[in-house]
Structures are given as C-alpha cells and as structure tokens.
C-alpha atoms as a PDB file:
ATOM      1  CA  UNK A   1       0.000   0.000   0.000  1.00  0.00           C
ATOM      2  CA  UNK A   2       2.827   2.402   0.880  1.00  0.00           C
ATOM      3  CA  UNK A   3       4.594   1.621  -2.401  1.00  0.00           C
ATOM      4  CA  UNK A   4       1.423   2.368  -4.333  1.00  0.00           C
ATOM      5  CA  UNK A   5       1.068   5.750  -2.608  1.00  0.00           C
ATOM      6  CA  UNK A   6       4.692   6.620  -3.360  1.00  0.00           C
ATOM      7  CA  UNK A   7       4.206   5.671  -6.996  1.00  0.00           C
ATOM      8  CA  UNK A   8       1.096   7.840  -7.272  1.00  0.00           C
ATOM      9  CA  UNK A   9       2.849  10.754  -5.557  1.00  0.00           C
ATOM     10  CA  UNK A  10       5.808  10.415  -7.920  1.00  0.00           C
ATOM     11  CA  UNK A  11       3.572  10.406 -10.983  1.00  0.00           C
ATOM     12  CA  UNK A  12       1.711  13.473  -9.766  1.00  0.00           C
ATOM     13  CA  UNK A  13       4.967  15.291  -9.065  1.00  0.00           C
ATOM     14  CA  UNK A  14       6.261  14.465 -12.550  1.00  0.00           C
ATOM     15  CA  UNK A  15       3.074  15.859 -14.072  1.00  0.00           C
ATOM     16  CA  UNK A  16       2.880  18.982 -11.915  1.00  0.00           C
ATOM     17  CA  UNK A  17       6.587  19.909 -12.000  1.00  0.00           C
ATOM     18  CA  UNK A  18       6.663  21.043 -15.645  1.00  0.00           C
ATOM     19  CA  UNK A  19       3.624  23.223 -15.054  1.00  0.00           C
ATOM     20  CA  UNK A  20       5.104  24.806 -11.937  1.00  0.00           C
ATOM     21  CA  UNK A  21       8.123  25.922 -13.936  1.00  0.00           C
ATOM     22  CA  UNK A  22       5.950  28.396 -15.804  1.00  0.00           C
ATOM     23  CA  UNK A  23       6.764  31.411 -13.674  1.00  0.00           C
ATOM     24  CA  UNK A  24       8.742  32.814 -16.569  1.00  0.00           C
ATOM     25  CA  UNK A  25      10.038  36.357 -16.847  1.00  0.00           C
ATOM     26  CA  UNK A  26       8.425  38.254 -19.738  1.00  0.00           C
ATOM     27  CA  UNK A  27      11.285  40.777 -20.077  1.00  0.00           C
ATOM     28  CA  UNK A  28      13.900  38.013 -20.109  1.00  0.00           C
ATOM     29  CA  UNK A  29      11.805  36.109 -22.639  1.00  0.00           C
ATOM     30  CA  UNK A  30      11.730  39.123 -24.938  1.00  0.00           C
ATOM     31  CA  UNK A  31      15.536  39.309 -24.853  1.00  0.00           C
ATOM     32  CA  UNK A  32      15.809  35.587 -25.603  1.00  0.00           C
ATOM     33  CA  UNK A  33      13.238  35.649 -28.425  1.00  0.00           C
ATOM     34  CA  UNK A  34      15.408  37.189 -31.152  1.00  0.00           C
ATOM     35  CA  UNK A  35      16.176  33.810 -32.734  1.00  0.00           C
ATOM     36  CA  UNK A  36      12.489  32.823 -32.570  1.00  0.00           C
ATOM     37  CA  UNK A  37      11.511  36.024 -34.398  1.00  0.00           C
ATOM     38  CA  UNK A  38      13.140  34.849 -37.622  1.00  0.00           C
ATOM     39  CA  UNK A  39      10.278  32.390 -38.169  1.00  0.00           C
ATOM     40  CA  UNK A  40       7.582  33.313 -35.653  1.00  0.00           C
ATOM     41  CA  UNK A  41       7.799  37.137 -35.812  1.00  0.00           C
ATOM     42  CA  UNK A  42       8.955  39.581 -33.123  1.00  0.00           C
ATOM     43  CA  UNK A  43       5.718  39.357 -31.160  1.00  0.00           C
ATOM     44  CA  UNK A  44       4.875  35.806 -32.163  1.00  0.00           C
ATOM     45  CA  UNK A  45       2.807  36.723 -35.223  1.00  0.00           C
ATOM     46  CA  UNK A  46       4.378  34.825 -38.090  1.00  0.00           C
ATOM     47  CA  UNK A  47       4.546  36.448 -41.509  1.00  0.00           C
ATOM     48  CA  UNK A  48       4.493  33.020 -43.161  1.00  0.00           C
ATOM     49  CA  UNK A  49       1.751  30.400 -42.985  1.00  0.00           C
ATOM     50  CA  UNK A  50       4.536  27.812 -42.730  1.00  0.00           C
ATOM     51  CA  UNK A  51       5.245  28.807 -39.118  1.00  0.00           C
ATOM     52  CA  UNK A  52       2.690  28.900 -36.302  1.00  0.00           C
ATOM     53  CA  UNK A  53       1.756  32.069 -34.459  1.00  0.00           C
ATOM     54  CA  UNK A  54       3.002  31.979 -30.878  1.00  0.00           C
ATOM     55  CA  UNK A  55       1.687  35.347 -29.686  1.00  0.00           C
ATOM     56  CA  UNK A  56      -1.148  34.962 -27.196  1.00  0.00           C
ATOM     57  CA  UNK A  57      -0.742  31.188 -26.989  1.00  0.00           C
ATOM     58  CA  UNK A  58      -1.096  29.675 -23.528  1.00  0.00           C
ATOM     59  CA  UNK A  59       2.245  29.657 -21.689  1.00  0.00           C
ATOM     60  CA  UNK A  60       1.829  26.101 -20.422  1.00  0.00           C
ATOM     61  CA  UNK A  61       1.257  24.868 -23.986  1.00  0.00           C
ATOM     62  CA  UNK A  62       4.346  26.677 -25.294  1.00  0.00           C
ATOM     63  CA  UNK A  63       6.476  25.431 -22.410  1.00  0.00           C
ATOM     64  CA  UNK A  64       5.334  21.821 -22.916  1.00  0.00           C
ATOM     65  CA  UNK A  65       5.900  22.070 -26.681  1.00  0.00           C
ATOM     66  CA  UNK A  66       9.498  23.201 -26.172  1.00  0.00           C
ATOM     67  CA  UNK A  67      10.099  20.410 -23.651  1.00  0.00           C
ATOM     68  CA  UNK A  68       8.672  17.892 -26.108  1.00  0.00           C
ATOM     69  CA  UNK A  69      10.841  19.144 -28.987  1.00  0.00           C
ATOM     70  CA  UNK A  70      13.907  18.934 -26.763  1.00  0.00           C
ATOM     71  CA  UNK A  71      13.044  15.404 -25.603  1.00  0.00           C
ATOM     72  CA  UNK A  72      12.244  14.255 -29.143  1.00  0.00           C
ATOM     73  CA  UNK A  73       8.551  13.624 -28.433  1.00  0.00           C
ATOM     74  CA  UNK A  74       7.626  16.191 -31.086  1.00  0.00           C
ATOM     75  CA  UNK A  75       9.428  15.735 -34.384  1.00  0.00           C
ATOM     76  CA  UNK A  76      10.749  18.810 -36.162  1.00  0.00           C
ATOM     77  CA  UNK A  77      14.479  19.019 -36.857  1.00  0.00           C
ATOM     78  CA  UNK A  78      14.482  22.830 -36.964  1.00  0.00           C
ATOM     79  CA  UNK A  79      12.726  23.207 -33.615  1.00  0.00           C
ATOM     80  CA  UNK A  80      14.764  20.410 -32.040  1.00  0.00           C
ATOM     81  CA  UNK A  81      17.943  22.285 -32.947  1.00  0.00           C
ATOM     82  CA  UNK A  82      16.553  25.589 -31.653  1.00  0.00           C
ATOM     83  CA  UNK A  83      15.582  24.272 -28.212  1.00  0.00           C
ATOM     84  CA  UNK A  84      18.594  21.993 -27.753  1.00  0.00           C
ATOM     85  CA  UNK A  85      20.585  24.538 -25.744  1.00  0.00           C
ATOM     86  CA  UNK A  86      17.636  26.084 -23.868  1.00  0.00           C
ATOM     87  CA  UNK A  87      17.300  25.557 -20.133  1.00  0.00           C
ATOM     88  CA  UNK A  88      13.919  25.104 -18.456  1.00  0.00           C
ATOM     89  CA  UNK A  89      14.211  28.714 -17.281  1.00  0.00           C
ATOM     90  CA  UNK A  90      14.828  29.884 -20.860  1.00  0.00           C
ATOM     91  CA  UNK A  91      11.763  27.960 -22.013  1.00  0.00           C
ATOM     92  CA  UNK A  92       9.617  29.379 -19.209  1.00  0.00           C
ATOM     93  CA  UNK A  93      10.785  32.910 -20.053  1.00  0.00           C
ATOM     94  CA  UNK A  94      10.047  32.462 -23.754  1.00  0.00           C
ATOM     95  CA  UNK A  95       6.648  30.937 -22.996  1.00  0.00           C
ATOM     96  CA  UNK A  96       5.789  33.849 -20.688  1.00  0.00           C
ATOM     97  CA  UNK A  97       6.863  36.409 -23.288  1.00  0.00           C
ATOM     98  CA  UNK A  98       4.877  34.939 -26.169  1.00  0.00           C
ATOM     99  CA  UNK A  99       1.840  34.301 -23.960  1.00  0.00           C
ATOM    100  CA  UNK A 100       1.858  37.986 -22.970  1.00  0.00           C
ATOM    101  CA  UNK A 101       1.623  39.095 -26.610  1.00  0.00           C
ATOM    102  CA  UNK A 102      -1.632  39.674 -28.456  1.00  0.00           C
ATOM    103  CA  UNK A 103      -2.860  36.962 -30.735  1.00  0.00           C
ATOM    104  CA  UNK A 104      -5.184  34.205 -29.678  1.00  0.00           C
ATOM    105  CA  UNK A 105      -8.435  35.223 -28.088  1.00  0.00           C
ATOM    106  CA  UNK A 106      -9.394  31.805 -26.754  1.00  0.00           C
ATOM    107  CA  UNK A 107      -9.929  31.883 -23.004  1.00  0.00           C
ATOM    108  CA  UNK A 108      -9.610  28.958 -20.663  1.00  0.00           C
END
C-alpha cells in the first residue's frame, strides 16, 4: 500500500513539476526571443503560414511544446535544434513572453 502511494505521488509530481516551472520572466523572454523572431515574428505573429503564431498562446502549452521538442517527443528538426541549448528557465521565459503578446483570443 505504501509503495502504491509513493508511486502515485511520484507520478503526480512528474506531471505537476513542468507546469510549476511556468513562472517565466516576460522581459527576459523578450531578450531571448530574437532567434524565434526569424520564423515566428517579433511578437509571435508569423509572416508566413509555414510557421505557427506563438503570440497569445497559452504559456503552459508553449512550455510543454518546447520540452517535447527537446526530448524528441515532437518531431521537427528545426525546432529540435533551436531548443537543444535552452534551459527550463529559458523555455519558461520564452513561454511567458509569447503568452503575454496579443494573438489568440481563446480563453480557458
């Protein structure tokens, strides 16, 4: 019974931890976003339909997407190369910056 509780607690912690890392710094994210702007635009509004708009997207979605590209769970060689050197803090900052921009109007 104790082992089962520890297993459940561990699974919950693994799920919650990535979400708790979302206290990103918008100003730091803006500074780090210059490389992203080449494809996604300065404020996350892409000028090409080939690249998704990031502006106004939910921060937790953006953070998870970057984690998944880095881990290889999402397959895109360009994005995998871009996130390879990013820390979790970098990802949280970028997610916070793009989430703070105008764009999507879908509310949770």
